[in-house]
Amino acid sequence: MKRALIFGASGGIGAAFCDALDQQGYAVTGLSRSGDGLDLRDPAAVDAAMAGLSGPFDLVVIATGILAPPGASPEKSLRSIDPATMQDLLLVNAVGPALILTRLPALLPRGGRSVVAVLTARVGSIGDNHLGGWYSYRASKAAANQITRTAAIELQRKFKECRVVALHPGTVDTAFTAGYPNKDKHDPATAAQNLLRVIDGLGPEDNGGFFDWRGEAVPW
């Protein structure tokens, strides 16, 4: 039986991944802040949440992240930048996934195909930024993209059939995006199914790539 490990399992997309993979016959392990104390701001909390895990896992999905801390919102202009808010987003959206990635080598299979998917966002693309604004969120996701790309290079040296990718799920209808209307929002179940199709289609040449929910490459 294939095994999957989902970080952010209590969130909209993370929970949808757990459900979809369970229906596909995976043995699914989910970790979250609310259920397991997975506080991505705290390395000790990440260690404690992951301490009981035993691999190997064929699929790892890091579906964690915040749009803004409680009481804050994405910046519309330079004068709105708040250092504490920016630091918090960088900790959760970039440093947190990095902490998880540092602990994954002990949980991946030595042989056979495996995938590590880090959910980032198109707004983290520097090349695709045509609207401006959202400085902290964009910067945190751009950092997560670079971390994912760099980890992909390192992990494939040891795990030859491992693909590590950054994925853009599109705008998903969750509490995360409740205040931001978008006619193209996907429900979480659809978003998870879309991304699983992308994951299933990844080849060796896709390691270290950045793809949207259609499977199309996103510019860095």
N, C-alpha and C. Protein backbone atom coordinates (compact mmCIF):
# COMPACT_ATOMS: atom_id res chain seq x y z
N MET A 1 0.84 -1.20 0.00
CA MET A 1 0.00 0.00 0.00
C MET A 1 0.88 1.25 0.00
N LYS A 2 0.54 2.20 -0.87
CA LYS A 2 1.28 3.45 -0.91
C LYS A 2 0.94 4.31 0.31
N ARG A 3 1.91 5.14 0.70
CA ARG A 3 1.74 5.95 1.90
C ARG A 3 1.94 7.42 1.56
N ALA A 4 1.13 8.27 2.17
CA ALA A 4 1.21 9.71 1.95
C ALA A 4 1.28 10.43 3.28
N LEU A 5 2.03 11.52 3.29
CA LEU A 5 2.19 12.36 4.47
C LEU A 5 1.78 13.78 4.10
N ILE A 6 0.77 14.31 4.78
CA ILE A 6 0.22 15.63 4.46
C ILE A 6 0.45 16.58 5.62
N PHE A 7 1.15 17.66 5.37
CA PHE A 7 1.33 18.72 6.35
C PHE A 7 0.29 19.81 6.08
N GLY A 8 -0.36 20.28 7.16
CA GLY A 8 -1.47 21.21 6.98
C GLY A 8 -2.77 20.47 6.77
N ALA A 9 -2.90 19.30 7.40
CA ALA A 9 -4.02 18.40 7.13
C ALA A 9 -5.36 18.92 7.61
N SER A 10 -5.36 19.92 8.49
CA SER A 10 -6.63 20.45 8.97
C SER A 10 -7.13 21.62 8.13
N GLY A 11 -6.30 22.10 7.21
CA GLY A 11 -6.71 23.20 6.34
C GLY A 11 -7.58 22.71 5.19
N GLY A 12 -8.13 23.64 4.43
CA GLY A 12 -9.04 23.28 3.36
C GLY A 12 -8.41 22.36 2.33
N ILE A 13 -7.27 22.76 1.79
CA ILE A 13 -6.63 21.94 0.75
C ILE A 13 -6.01 20.69 1.37
N GLY A 14 -5.36 20.83 2.52
CA GLY A 14 -4.74 19.68 3.16
C GLY A 14 -5.74 18.59 3.48
N ALA A 15 -6.90 18.98 4.03
CA ALA A 15 -7.94 18.00 4.33
C ALA A 15 -8.46 17.34 3.07
N ALA A 16 -8.59 18.12 1.99
CA ALA A 16 -9.06 17.57 0.72
C ALA A 16 -8.05 16.57 0.15
N PHE A 17 -6.76 16.85 0.32
CA PHE A 17 -5.73 15.89 -0.09
C PHE A 17 -5.88 14.59 0.69
N CYS A 18 -6.07 14.71 2.00
CA CYS A 18 -6.23 13.50 2.82
C CYS A 18 -7.40 12.66 2.34
N ASP A 19 -8.52 13.30 2.08
CA ASP A 19 -9.72 12.58 1.63
C ASP A 19 -9.50 11.91 0.28
N ALA A 20 -8.92 12.69 -0.66
CA ALA A 20 -8.73 12.17 -2.02
C ALA A 20 -7.76 10.99 -2.02
N LEU A 21 -6.69 11.09 -1.27
CA LEU A 21 -5.70 10.02 -1.24
C LEU A 21 -6.23 8.79 -0.52
N ASP A 22 -7.03 9.01 0.51
CA ASP A 22 -7.66 7.88 1.20
C ASP A 22 -8.56 7.12 0.22
N GLN A 23 -9.28 7.86 -0.61
CA GLN A 23 -10.16 7.21 -1.59
C GLN A 23 -9.36 6.47 -2.65
N GLN A 24 -8.12 6.90 -2.89
CA GLN A 24 -7.27 6.22 -3.85
C GLN A 24 -6.54 5.02 -3.25
N GLY A 25 -6.77 4.76 -1.98
CA GLY A 25 -6.17 3.59 -1.36
C GLY A 25 -4.85 3.82 -0.66
N TYR A 26 -4.46 5.08 -0.52
CA TYR A 26 -3.24 5.40 0.23
C TYR A 26 -3.48 5.24 1.73
N ALA A 27 -2.43 4.90 2.45
CA ALA A 27 -2.42 5.04 3.90
C ALA A 27 -1.96 6.46 4.19
N VAL A 28 -2.83 7.28 4.73
CA VAL A 28 -2.58 8.71 4.85
C VAL A 28 -2.27 9.10 6.29
N THR A 29 -1.18 9.82 6.47
CA THR A 29 -0.83 10.43 7.75
C THR A 29 -0.92 11.93 7.59
N GLY A 30 -1.67 12.59 8.46
CA GLY A 30 -1.82 14.03 8.37
C GLY A 30 -1.33 14.71 9.63
N LEU A 31 -0.62 15.81 9.46
CA LEU A 31 -0.16 16.62 10.59
C LEU A 31 -0.66 18.05 10.43
N SER A 32 -0.99 18.68 11.55
CA SER A 32 -1.46 20.06 11.51
C SER A 32 -1.09 20.75 12.80
N ARG A 33 -1.21 22.07 12.79
CA ARG A 33 -0.94 22.83 14.01
C ARG A 33 -2.01 22.55 15.06
N SER A 34 -3.27 22.54 14.62
CA SER A 34 -4.36 22.36 15.59
C SER A 34 -4.40 20.96 16.18
N GLY A 35 -4.05 19.97 15.39
CA GLY A 35 -4.15 18.60 15.86
C GLY A 35 -2.88 18.03 16.44
N ASP A 36 -1.73 18.56 15.99
CA ASP A 36 -0.46 17.94 16.37
C ASP A 36 0.58 18.94 16.88
N GLY A 37 0.20 20.20 17.02
CA GLY A 37 1.15 21.19 17.51
C GLY A 37 2.22 21.56 16.50
N LEU A 38 1.92 21.39 15.21
CA LEU A 38 2.90 21.69 14.17
C LEU A 38 2.99 23.20 13.96
N ASP A 39 3.72 23.87 14.82
CA ASP A 39 3.90 25.32 14.74
C ASP A 39 5.16 25.59 13.92
N LEU A 40 4.97 26.05 12.71
CA LEU A 40 6.11 26.22 11.80
C LEU A 40 7.02 27.36 12.20
N ARG A 41 6.62 28.15 13.19
CA ARG A 41 7.48 29.21 13.71
C ARG A 41 8.49 28.68 14.72
N ASP A 42 8.33 27.42 15.11
CA ASP A 42 9.09 26.86 16.23
C ASP A 42 9.74 25.53 15.82
N PRO A 43 11.06 25.52 15.61
CA PRO A 43 11.73 24.28 15.21
C PRO A 43 11.49 23.13 16.18
N ALA A 44 11.42 23.42 17.48
CA ALA A 44 11.20 22.35 18.46
C ALA A 44 9.81 21.74 18.28
N ALA A 45 8.83 22.58 17.93
CA ALA A 45 7.47 22.07 17.71
C ALA A 45 7.41 21.21 16.45
N VAL A 46 8.15 21.58 15.42
CA VAL A 46 8.21 20.77 14.21
C VAL A 46 8.85 19.42 14.52
N ASP A 47 9.95 19.44 15.29
CA ASP A 47 10.59 18.19 15.69
C ASP A 47 9.63 17.30 16.47
N ALA A 48 8.91 17.91 17.41
CA ALA A 48 8.00 17.12 18.24
C ALA A 48 6.87 16.52 17.41
N ALA A 49 6.32 17.30 16.47
CA ALA A 49 5.21 16.80 15.64
C ALA A 49 5.66 15.68 14.72
N MET A 50 6.92 15.73 14.27
CA MET A 50 7.40 14.74 13.32
C MET A 50 8.13 13.58 13.98
N ALA A 51 8.32 13.66 15.30
CA ALA A 51 9.15 12.67 16.00
C ALA A 51 8.64 11.25 15.87
N GLY A 52 7.32 11.08 15.82
CA GLY A 52 6.77 9.73 15.78
C GLY A 52 6.59 9.15 14.40
N LEU A 53 7.00 9.89 13.38
CA LEU A 53 6.79 9.43 12.01
C LEU A 53 7.77 8.32 11.64
N SER A 54 7.28 7.37 10.88
CA SER A 54 8.12 6.29 10.38
C SER A 54 7.84 6.11 8.90
N GLY A 55 8.87 6.29 8.08
CA GLY A 55 8.71 6.17 6.65
C GLY A 55 8.79 4.72 6.19
N PRO A 56 8.87 4.51 4.89
CA PRO A 56 8.93 5.58 3.89
C PRO A 56 7.55 6.02 3.42
N PHE A 57 7.50 7.28 2.95
CA PHE A 57 6.29 7.84 2.36
C PHE A 57 6.53 8.06 0.87
N ASP A 58 5.59 7.59 0.06
CA ASP A 58 5.70 7.75 -1.39
C ASP A 58 5.36 9.16 -1.84
N LEU A 59 4.51 9.84 -1.07
CA LEU A 59 4.08 11.19 -1.41
C LEU A 59 4.05 12.03 -0.15
N VAL A 60 4.69 13.20 -0.24
CA VAL A 60 4.66 14.18 0.84
C VAL A 60 4.12 15.48 0.27
N VAL A 61 3.09 16.03 0.90
CA VAL A 61 2.51 17.30 0.47
C VAL A 61 2.62 18.29 1.62
N ILE A 62 3.25 19.41 1.36
CA ILE A 62 3.35 20.49 2.36
C ILE A 62 2.33 21.54 1.97
N ALA A 63 1.17 21.48 2.62
CA ALA A 63 0.05 22.36 2.28
C ALA A 63 -0.21 23.35 3.41
N THR A 64 0.87 23.93 3.90
CA THR A 64 0.78 24.87 5.01
C THR A 64 0.91 26.30 4.47
N GLY A 65 0.57 27.27 5.31
CA GLY A 65 0.78 28.65 4.90
C GLY A 65 -0.30 29.58 5.40
N ILE A 66 0.03 30.87 5.42
CA ILE A 66 -0.93 31.91 5.78
C ILE A 66 -0.84 33.04 4.77
N LEU A 67 -1.96 33.72 4.57
CA LEU A 67 -2.00 34.89 3.69
C LEU A 67 -1.54 36.12 4.44
N ALA A 68 -1.89 36.18 5.72
CA ALA A 68 -1.47 37.27 6.60
C ALA A 68 -1.74 36.83 8.03
N PRO A 69 -1.02 37.37 9.00
CA PRO A 69 -1.31 37.04 10.40
C PRO A 69 -2.68 37.59 10.80
N PRO A 70 -3.26 37.07 11.89
CA PRO A 70 -4.54 37.60 12.36
C PRO A 70 -4.51 39.11 12.55
N GLY A 71 -5.52 39.78 12.03
CA GLY A 71 -5.60 41.22 12.17
C GLY A 71 -4.87 42.00 11.10
N ALA A 72 -4.16 41.31 10.22
CA ALA A 72 -3.42 41.98 9.15
C ALA A 72 -3.98 41.53 7.80
N SER A 73 -3.57 42.20 6.74
CA SER A 73 -3.99 41.84 5.39
C SER A 73 -2.85 42.15 4.43
N PRO A 74 -2.86 41.56 3.24
CA PRO A 74 -1.78 41.82 2.28
C PRO A 74 -1.66 43.31 1.95
N GLU A 75 -0.41 43.76 1.84
CA GLU A 75 -0.16 45.18 1.61
C GLU A 75 -0.56 45.61 0.20
N LYS A 76 -1.09 46.80 0.10
CA LYS A 76 -1.42 47.37 -1.21
C LYS A 76 -0.34 48.35 -1.67
N SER A 77 0.53 48.78 -0.76
CA SER A 77 1.55 49.77 -1.12
C SER A 77 2.76 49.60 -0.22
N LEU A 78 3.87 50.22 -0.63
CA LEU A 78 5.10 50.15 0.16
C LEU A 78 4.91 50.69 1.57
N ARG A 79 4.12 51.76 1.70
CA ARG A 79 3.96 52.36 3.03
C ARG A 79 3.19 51.46 4.00
N SER A 80 2.59 50.40 3.48
CA SER A 80 1.84 49.48 4.34
C SER A 80 2.71 48.36 4.90
N ILE A 81 3.96 48.27 4.47
CA ILE A 81 4.82 47.18 4.93
C ILE A 81 5.09 47.31 6.42
N ASP A 82 4.85 46.22 7.14
CA ASP A 82 5.13 46.15 8.58
C ASP A 82 6.16 45.06 8.81
N PRO A 83 7.31 45.38 9.39
CA PRO A 83 8.37 44.38 9.53
C PRO A 83 7.94 43.13 10.29
N ALA A 84 7.15 43.29 11.34
CA ALA A 84 6.74 42.12 12.12
C ALA A 84 5.84 41.20 11.30
N THR A 85 4.93 41.80 10.52
CA THR A 85 4.05 41.01 9.66
C THR A 85 4.86 40.27 8.59
N MET A 86 5.81 40.97 7.98
CA MET A 86 6.64 40.35 6.96
C MET A 86 7.45 39.20 7.54
N GLN A 87 8.00 39.41 8.73
CA GLN A 87 8.78 38.35 9.37
C GLN A 87 7.92 37.13 9.66
N ASP A 88 6.68 37.35 10.11
CA ASP A 88 5.79 36.24 10.42
C ASP A 88 5.48 35.43 9.18
N LEU A 89 5.20 36.11 8.06
CA LEU A 89 4.92 35.39 6.82
C LEU A 89 6.13 34.61 6.34
N LEU A 90 7.30 35.19 6.45
CA LEU A 90 8.50 34.47 6.03
C LEU A 90 8.73 33.23 6.90
N LEU A 91 8.47 33.36 8.20
CA LEU A 91 8.64 32.21 9.09
C LEU A 91 7.68 31.08 8.72
N VAL A 92 6.41 31.40 8.53
CA VAL A 92 5.41 30.36 8.27
C VAL A 92 5.51 29.82 6.86
N ASN A 93 5.64 30.71 5.88
CA ASN A 93 5.53 30.30 4.48
C ASN A 93 6.84 29.83 3.85
N ALA A 94 7.97 30.21 4.43
CA ALA A 94 9.25 29.82 3.84
C ALA A 94 10.12 29.02 4.81
N VAL A 95 10.36 29.57 5.99
CA VAL A 95 11.20 28.85 6.95
C VAL A 95 10.52 27.55 7.40
N GLY A 96 9.21 27.60 7.62
CA GLY A 96 8.48 26.41 8.04
C GLY A 96 8.63 25.24 7.08
N PRO A 97 8.31 25.43 5.79
CA PRO A 97 8.54 24.34 4.84
C PRO A 97 9.99 23.88 4.79
N ALA A 98 10.92 24.82 4.96
CA ALA A 98 12.34 24.43 4.97
C ALA A 98 12.64 23.51 6.14
N LEU A 99 12.06 23.81 7.31
CA LEU A 99 12.26 22.94 8.47
C LEU A 99 11.73 21.54 8.19
N ILE A 100 10.58 21.46 7.55
CA ILE A 100 10.02 20.15 7.20
C ILE A 100 10.94 19.42 6.23
N LEU A 101 11.40 20.13 5.21
CA LEU A 101 12.26 19.51 4.20
C LEU A 101 13.55 18.97 4.81
N THR A 102 14.09 19.66 5.81
CA THR A 102 15.34 19.17 6.40
C THR A 102 15.15 17.83 7.08
N ARG A 103 13.93 17.50 7.47
CA ARG A 103 13.66 16.27 8.19
C ARG A 103 13.13 15.15 7.29
N LEU A 104 12.97 15.42 6.01
CA LEU A 104 12.37 14.43 5.11
C LEU A 104 13.31 13.31 4.66
N PRO A 105 14.62 13.52 4.55
CA PRO A 105 15.45 12.42 4.04
C PRO A 105 15.26 11.10 4.79
N ALA A 106 14.97 11.15 6.07
CA ALA A 106 14.77 9.91 6.83
C ALA A 106 13.42 9.26 6.53
N LEU A 107 12.55 9.96 5.78
CA LEU A 107 11.18 9.47 5.58
C LEU A 107 10.88 9.12 4.13
N LEU A 108 11.86 9.25 3.25
CA LEU A 108 11.64 8.96 1.83
C LEU A 108 12.19 7.58 1.46
N PRO A 109 11.58 6.93 0.46
CA PRO A 109 12.07 5.60 0.05
C PRO A 109 13.39 5.70 -0.70
N ARG A 110 14.29 4.80 -0.42
CA ARG A 110 15.59 4.78 -1.11
C ARG A 110 15.44 4.40 -2.58
N GLY A 111 14.47 3.55 -2.87
CA GLY A 111 14.23 3.15 -4.24
C GLY A 111 12.77 3.34 -4.59
N GLY A 112 12.49 3.51 -5.87
CA GLY A 112 11.13 3.71 -6.31
C GLY A 112 10.75 5.19 -6.33
N ARG A 113 9.72 5.49 -7.09
CA ARG A 113 9.29 6.87 -7.30
C ARG A 113 8.69 7.47 -6.02
N SER A 114 9.08 8.70 -5.74
CA SER A 114 8.45 9.45 -4.66
C SER A 114 8.31 10.91 -5.10
N VAL A 115 7.38 11.61 -4.47
CA VAL A 115 7.13 13.02 -4.80
C VAL A 115 7.00 13.82 -3.52
N VAL A 116 7.67 14.96 -3.50
CA VAL A 116 7.50 15.95 -2.44
C VAL A 116 6.94 17.20 -3.10
N ALA A 117 5.71 17.57 -2.75
CA ALA A 117 5.05 18.71 -3.35
C ALA A 117 4.87 19.81 -2.31
N VAL A 118 5.40 20.98 -2.59
CA VAL A 118 5.27 22.13 -1.70
C VAL A 118 4.29 23.10 -2.35
N LEU A 119 3.17 23.35 -1.68
CA LEU A 119 2.19 24.28 -2.24
C LEU A 119 2.66 25.71 -1.99
N THR A 120 2.96 26.41 -3.08
CA THR A 120 3.35 27.82 -2.97
C THR A 120 2.24 28.65 -3.61
N ALA A 121 2.57 29.52 -4.56
CA ALA A 121 1.53 30.35 -5.19
C ALA A 121 2.12 31.06 -6.39
N ARG A 122 1.28 31.28 -7.37
CA ARG A 122 1.73 32.01 -8.56
C ARG A 122 2.23 33.41 -8.20
N VAL A 123 1.64 34.03 -7.17
CA VAL A 123 2.09 35.38 -6.82
C VAL A 123 3.51 35.38 -6.26
N GLY A 124 4.06 34.20 -5.99
CA GLY A 124 5.47 34.11 -5.63
C GLY A 124 6.40 34.15 -6.82
N SER A 125 5.83 34.14 -8.01
CA SER A 125 6.64 34.23 -9.24
C SER A 125 7.09 35.67 -9.45
N ILE A 126 8.38 35.89 -9.58
CA ILE A 126 8.91 37.22 -9.87
C ILE A 126 8.62 37.58 -11.32
N GLY A 127 8.77 36.61 -12.22
CA GLY A 127 8.55 36.87 -13.64
C GLY A 127 7.11 37.12 -14.00
N ASP A 128 6.18 36.62 -13.18
CA ASP A 128 4.75 36.74 -13.48
C ASP A 128 4.09 37.89 -12.70
N ASN A 129 4.89 38.69 -12.03
CA ASN A 129 4.34 39.78 -11.20
C ASN A 129 4.07 41.01 -12.07
N HIS A 130 2.80 41.24 -12.38
CA HIS A 130 2.42 42.38 -13.21
C HIS A 130 1.51 43.36 -12.48
N LEU A 131 1.09 43.00 -11.26
CA LEU A 131 0.13 43.84 -10.53
C LEU A 131 0.73 44.55 -9.32
N GLY A 132 1.83 44.04 -8.79
CA GLY A 132 2.43 44.64 -7.61
C GLY A 132 1.63 44.32 -6.36
N GLY A 133 1.99 44.99 -5.26
CA GLY A 133 1.31 44.78 -4.00
C GLY A 133 1.64 43.44 -3.36
N TRP A 134 1.03 43.18 -2.21
CA TRP A 134 1.18 41.92 -1.49
C TRP A 134 2.66 41.57 -1.24
N TYR A 135 3.41 42.55 -0.79
CA TYR A 135 4.86 42.41 -0.68
C TYR A 135 5.27 41.21 0.18
N SER A 136 4.72 41.11 1.37
CA SER A 136 5.16 40.06 2.30
C SER A 136 4.78 38.67 1.80
N TYR A 137 3.56 38.53 1.32
CA TYR A 137 3.12 37.23 0.84
C TYR A 137 3.91 36.82 -0.39
N ARG A 138 4.08 37.75 -1.33
CA ARG A 138 4.87 37.44 -2.53
C ARG A 138 6.30 37.03 -2.15
N ALA A 139 6.91 37.80 -1.26
CA ALA A 139 8.30 37.51 -0.88
C ALA A 139 8.41 36.16 -0.19
N SER A 140 7.44 35.83 0.67
CA SER A 140 7.50 34.56 1.38
C SER A 140 7.34 33.37 0.43
N LYS A 141 6.47 33.51 -0.56
CA LYS A 141 6.27 32.42 -1.50
C LYS A 141 7.42 32.32 -2.50
N ALA A 142 8.01 33.46 -2.86
CA ALA A 142 9.21 33.42 -3.71
C ALA A 142 10.35 32.71 -2.98
N ALA A 143 10.48 32.99 -1.68
CA ALA A 143 11.49 32.30 -0.88
C ALA A 143 11.20 30.80 -0.80
N ALA A 144 9.94 30.45 -0.62
CA ALA A 144 9.57 29.03 -0.59
C ALA A 144 9.90 28.34 -1.91
N ASN A 145 9.68 29.04 -3.02
CA ASN A 145 10.02 28.48 -4.32
C ASN A 145 11.52 28.19 -4.43
N GLN A 146 12.33 29.13 -3.99
CA GLN A 146 13.78 28.95 -4.06
C GLN A 146 14.23 27.80 -3.16
N ILE A 147 13.66 27.72 -1.97
CA ILE A 147 13.99 26.63 -1.05
C ILE A 147 13.62 25.28 -1.68
N THR A 148 12.44 25.23 -2.29
CA THR A 148 11.99 23.98 -2.91
C THR A 148 12.90 23.58 -4.06
N ARG A 149 13.24 24.54 -4.90
CA ARG A 149 14.12 24.26 -6.04
C ARG A 149 15.49 23.74 -5.57
N THR A 150 16.03 24.36 -4.55
CA THR A 150 17.35 23.97 -4.05
C THR A 150 17.30 22.60 -3.38
N ALA A 151 16.22 22.35 -2.61
CA ALA A 151 16.06 21.03 -1.99
C ALA A 151 15.92 19.94 -3.03
N ALA A 152 15.26 20.25 -4.16
CA ALA A 152 15.08 19.27 -5.22
C ALA A 152 16.43 18.79 -5.76
N ILE A 153 17.36 19.71 -5.91
CA ILE A 153 18.69 19.34 -6.42
C ILE A 153 19.40 18.42 -5.44
N GLU A 154 19.34 18.79 -4.16
CA GLU A 154 20.04 17.99 -3.15
C GLU A 154 19.40 16.62 -2.95
N LEU A 155 18.09 16.58 -2.82
CA LEU A 155 17.43 15.31 -2.52
C LEU A 155 17.55 14.31 -3.66
N GLN A 156 17.58 14.79 -4.90
CA GLN A 156 17.67 13.84 -6.01
C GLN A 156 19.04 13.18 -6.09
N ARG A 157 20.05 13.75 -5.46
CA ARG A 157 21.36 13.10 -5.43
C ARG A 157 21.30 11.80 -4.65
N LYS A 158 20.49 11.76 -3.61
CA LYS A 158 20.37 10.58 -2.77
C LYS A 158 19.17 9.71 -3.17
N PHE A 159 18.10 10.37 -3.59
CA PHE A 159 16.87 9.67 -3.96
C PHE A 159 16.62 9.88 -5.45
N LYS A 160 17.16 9.00 -6.27
CA LYS A 160 17.23 9.22 -7.71
C LYS A 160 15.87 9.37 -8.37
N GLU A 161 14.84 8.72 -7.82
CA GLU A 161 13.52 8.77 -8.43
C GLU A 161 12.56 9.72 -7.69
N CYS A 162 13.13 10.61 -6.90
CA CYS A 162 12.32 11.57 -6.17
C CYS A 162 12.12 12.83 -7.01
N ARG A 163 10.89 13.33 -7.04
CA ARG A 163 10.60 14.60 -7.69
C ARG A 163 10.13 15.57 -6.61
N VAL A 164 10.82 16.70 -6.50
CA VAL A 164 10.45 17.74 -5.54
C VAL A 164 10.00 18.95 -6.34
N VAL A 165 8.76 19.39 -6.12
CA VAL A 165 8.20 20.46 -6.95
C VAL A 165 7.44 21.47 -6.11
N ALA A 166 7.35 22.69 -6.64
CA ALA A 166 6.47 23.72 -6.10
C ALA A 166 5.20 23.73 -6.95
N LEU A 167 4.05 23.79 -6.29
CA LEU A 167 2.78 23.73 -7.01
C LEU A 167 1.89 24.92 -6.65
N HIS A 168 1.26 25.50 -7.68
CA HIS A 168 0.27 26.56 -7.49
C HIS A 168 -1.11 25.95 -7.63
N PRO A 169 -1.94 25.95 -6.55
CA PRO A 169 -3.24 25.28 -6.62
C PRO A 169 -4.33 26.10 -7.27
N GLY A 170 -4.04 27.34 -7.65
CA GLY A 170 -5.12 28.23 -8.07
C GLY A 170 -5.74 28.86 -6.84
N THR A 171 -6.77 29.67 -7.05
CA THR A 171 -7.47 30.26 -5.92
C THR A 171 -8.50 29.26 -5.42
N VAL A 172 -8.36 28.87 -4.16
CA VAL A 172 -9.21 27.81 -3.61
C VAL A 172 -10.16 28.42 -2.59
N ASP A 173 -11.40 27.99 -2.62
CA ASP A 173 -12.45 28.55 -1.76
C ASP A 173 -12.32 27.99 -0.35
N THR A 174 -11.50 28.65 0.46
CA THR A 174 -11.29 28.25 1.85
C THR A 174 -11.34 29.50 2.72
N ALA A 175 -11.22 29.32 4.03
CA ALA A 175 -11.17 30.46 4.94
C ALA A 175 -9.98 31.36 4.60
N PHE A 176 -8.95 30.78 4.04
CA PHE A 176 -7.73 31.48 3.63
C PHE A 176 -8.04 32.60 2.64
N THR A 177 -9.01 32.37 1.75
CA THR A 177 -9.30 33.33 0.67
C THR A 177 -10.70 33.93 0.80
N ALA A 178 -11.32 33.78 1.95
CA ALA A 178 -12.72 34.20 2.11
C ALA A 178 -12.93 35.68 1.80
N GLY A 179 -11.97 36.52 2.12
CA GLY A 179 -12.13 37.95 1.91
C GLY A 179 -11.71 38.44 0.54
N TYR A 180 -11.42 37.50 -0.37
CA TYR A 180 -10.91 37.88 -1.68
C TYR A 180 -11.73 37.21 -2.78
N PRO A 181 -12.82 37.86 -3.21
CA PRO A 181 -13.68 37.26 -4.24
C PRO A 181 -12.91 36.98 -5.53
N ASN A 182 -13.23 35.86 -6.13
CA ASN A 182 -12.59 35.48 -7.40
C ASN A 182 -13.53 34.51 -8.10
N LYS A 183 -13.96 34.86 -9.28
CA LYS A 183 -14.91 34.02 -10.01
C LYS A 183 -14.32 32.68 -10.41
N ASP A 184 -12.99 32.56 -10.36
CA ASP A 184 -12.34 31.32 -10.77
C ASP A 184 -11.92 30.44 -9.59
N LYS A 185 -12.49 30.68 -8.42
CA LYS A 185 -12.15 29.86 -7.26
C LYS A 185 -12.56 28.40 -7.47
N HIS A 186 -11.68 27.49 -7.02
CA HIS A 186 -11.99 26.06 -7.00
C HIS A 186 -12.42 25.68 -5.59
N ASP A 187 -13.28 24.69 -5.45
CA ASP A 187 -13.52 24.14 -4.13
C ASP A 187 -12.32 23.26 -3.77
N PRO A 188 -12.06 23.02 -2.48
CA PRO A 188 -10.87 22.28 -2.08
C PRO A 188 -10.75 20.90 -2.71
N ALA A 189 -11.87 20.17 -2.82
CA ALA A 189 -11.81 18.83 -3.39
C ALA A 189 -11.34 18.87 -4.84
N THR A 190 -11.84 19.84 -5.60
CA THR A 190 -11.41 19.97 -6.99
C THR A 190 -9.94 20.36 -7.07
N ALA A 191 -9.52 21.27 -6.19
CA ALA A 191 -8.12 21.69 -6.19
C ALA A 191 -7.20 20.52 -5.90
N ALA A 192 -7.57 19.69 -4.94
CA ALA A 192 -6.74 18.53 -4.60
C ALA A 192 -6.67 17.54 -5.77
N GLN A 193 -7.80 17.29 -6.41
CA GLN A 193 -7.81 16.37 -7.55
C GLN A 193 -6.96 16.92 -8.69
N ASN A 194 -7.06 18.23 -8.95
CA ASN A 194 -6.24 18.85 -10.00
C ASN A 194 -4.76 18.65 -9.72
N LEU A 195 -4.34 18.91 -8.49
CA LEU A 195 -2.93 18.81 -8.15
C LEU A 195 -2.45 17.36 -8.15
N LEU A 196 -3.32 16.43 -7.75
CA LEU A 196 -2.92 15.02 -7.79
C LEU A 196 -2.70 14.54 -9.22
N ARG A 197 -3.48 15.08 -10.16
CA ARG A 197 -3.24 14.74 -11.57
C ARG A 197 -1.87 15.26 -12.02
N VAL A 198 -1.52 16.46 -11.57
CA VAL A 198 -0.20 17.00 -11.90
C VAL A 198 0.89 16.13 -11.28
N ILE A 199 0.72 15.78 -10.02
CA ILE A 199 1.71 14.95 -9.31
C ILE A 199 1.88 13.61 -10.01
N ASP A 200 0.78 12.99 -10.42
CA ASP A 200 0.85 11.68 -11.08
C ASP A 200 1.60 11.75 -12.41
N GLY A 201 1.56 12.92 -13.04
CA GLY A 201 2.20 13.06 -14.35
C GLY A 201 3.63 13.53 -14.32
N LEU A 202 4.20 13.75 -13.16
CA LEU A 202 5.57 14.27 -13.07
C LEU A 202 6.59 13.23 -13.51
N GLY A 203 7.50 13.66 -14.38
CA GLY A 203 8.59 12.80 -14.81
C GLY A 203 9.91 13.25 -14.20
N PRO A 204 10.99 12.51 -14.43
CA PRO A 204 12.29 12.88 -13.86
C PRO A 204 12.72 14.29 -14.24
N GLU A 205 12.36 14.71 -15.44
CA GLU A 205 12.77 16.03 -15.92
C GLU A 205 12.04 17.16 -15.20
N ASP A 206 10.99 16.84 -14.45
CA ASP A 206 10.20 17.86 -13.76
C ASP A 206 10.72 18.17 -12.36
N ASN A 207 11.70 17.42 -11.91
CA ASN A 207 12.24 17.67 -10.57
C ASN A 207 12.71 19.12 -10.45
N GLY A 208 12.32 19.78 -9.37
CA GLY A 208 12.73 21.17 -9.16
C GLY A 208 11.88 22.17 -9.90
N GLY A 209 10.77 21.73 -10.52
CA GLY A 209 9.93 22.64 -11.29
C GLY A 209 8.87 23.33 -10.46
N PHE A 210 8.23 24.31 -11.10
CA PHE A 210 7.15 25.10 -10.50
C PHE A 210 5.98 25.02 -11.46
N PHE A 211 4.89 24.39 -11.04
CA PHE A 211 3.77 24.11 -11.93
C PHE A 211 2.46 24.59 -11.33
N ASP A 212 1.52 24.97 -12.21
CA ASP A 212 0.20 25.33 -11.73
C ASP A 212 -0.70 24.10 -11.74
N TRP A 213 -1.95 24.30 -11.35
CA TRP A 213 -2.89 23.18 -11.21
C TRP A 213 -3.25 22.51 -12.53
N ARG A 214 -2.91 23.17 -13.64
CA ARG A 214 -3.12 22.55 -14.96
C ARG A 214 -1.92 21.70 -15.38
N GLY A 215 -0.82 21.81 -14.65
CA GLY A 215 0.41 21.13 -15.04
C GLY A 215 1.31 22.00 -15.89
N GLU A 216 0.96 23.28 -16.06
CA GLU A 216 1.76 24.19 -16.87
C GLU A 216 2.85 24.82 -16.00
N ALA A 217 4.05 24.96 -16.58
CA ALA A 217 5.16 25.56 -15.87
C ALA A 217 4.87 27.04 -15.58
N VAL A 218 5.21 27.47 -14.37
CA VAL A 218 5.07 28.87 -13.96
C VAL A 218 6.46 29.50 -13.96
N PRO A 219 6.62 30.69 -14.52
CA PRO A 219 7.95 31.33 -14.52
C PRO A 219 8.41 31.64 -13.09
N TRP A 220 9.71 31.57 -12.90
CA TRP A 220 10.25 31.88 -11.57
C TRP A 220 10.19 33.38 -11.32
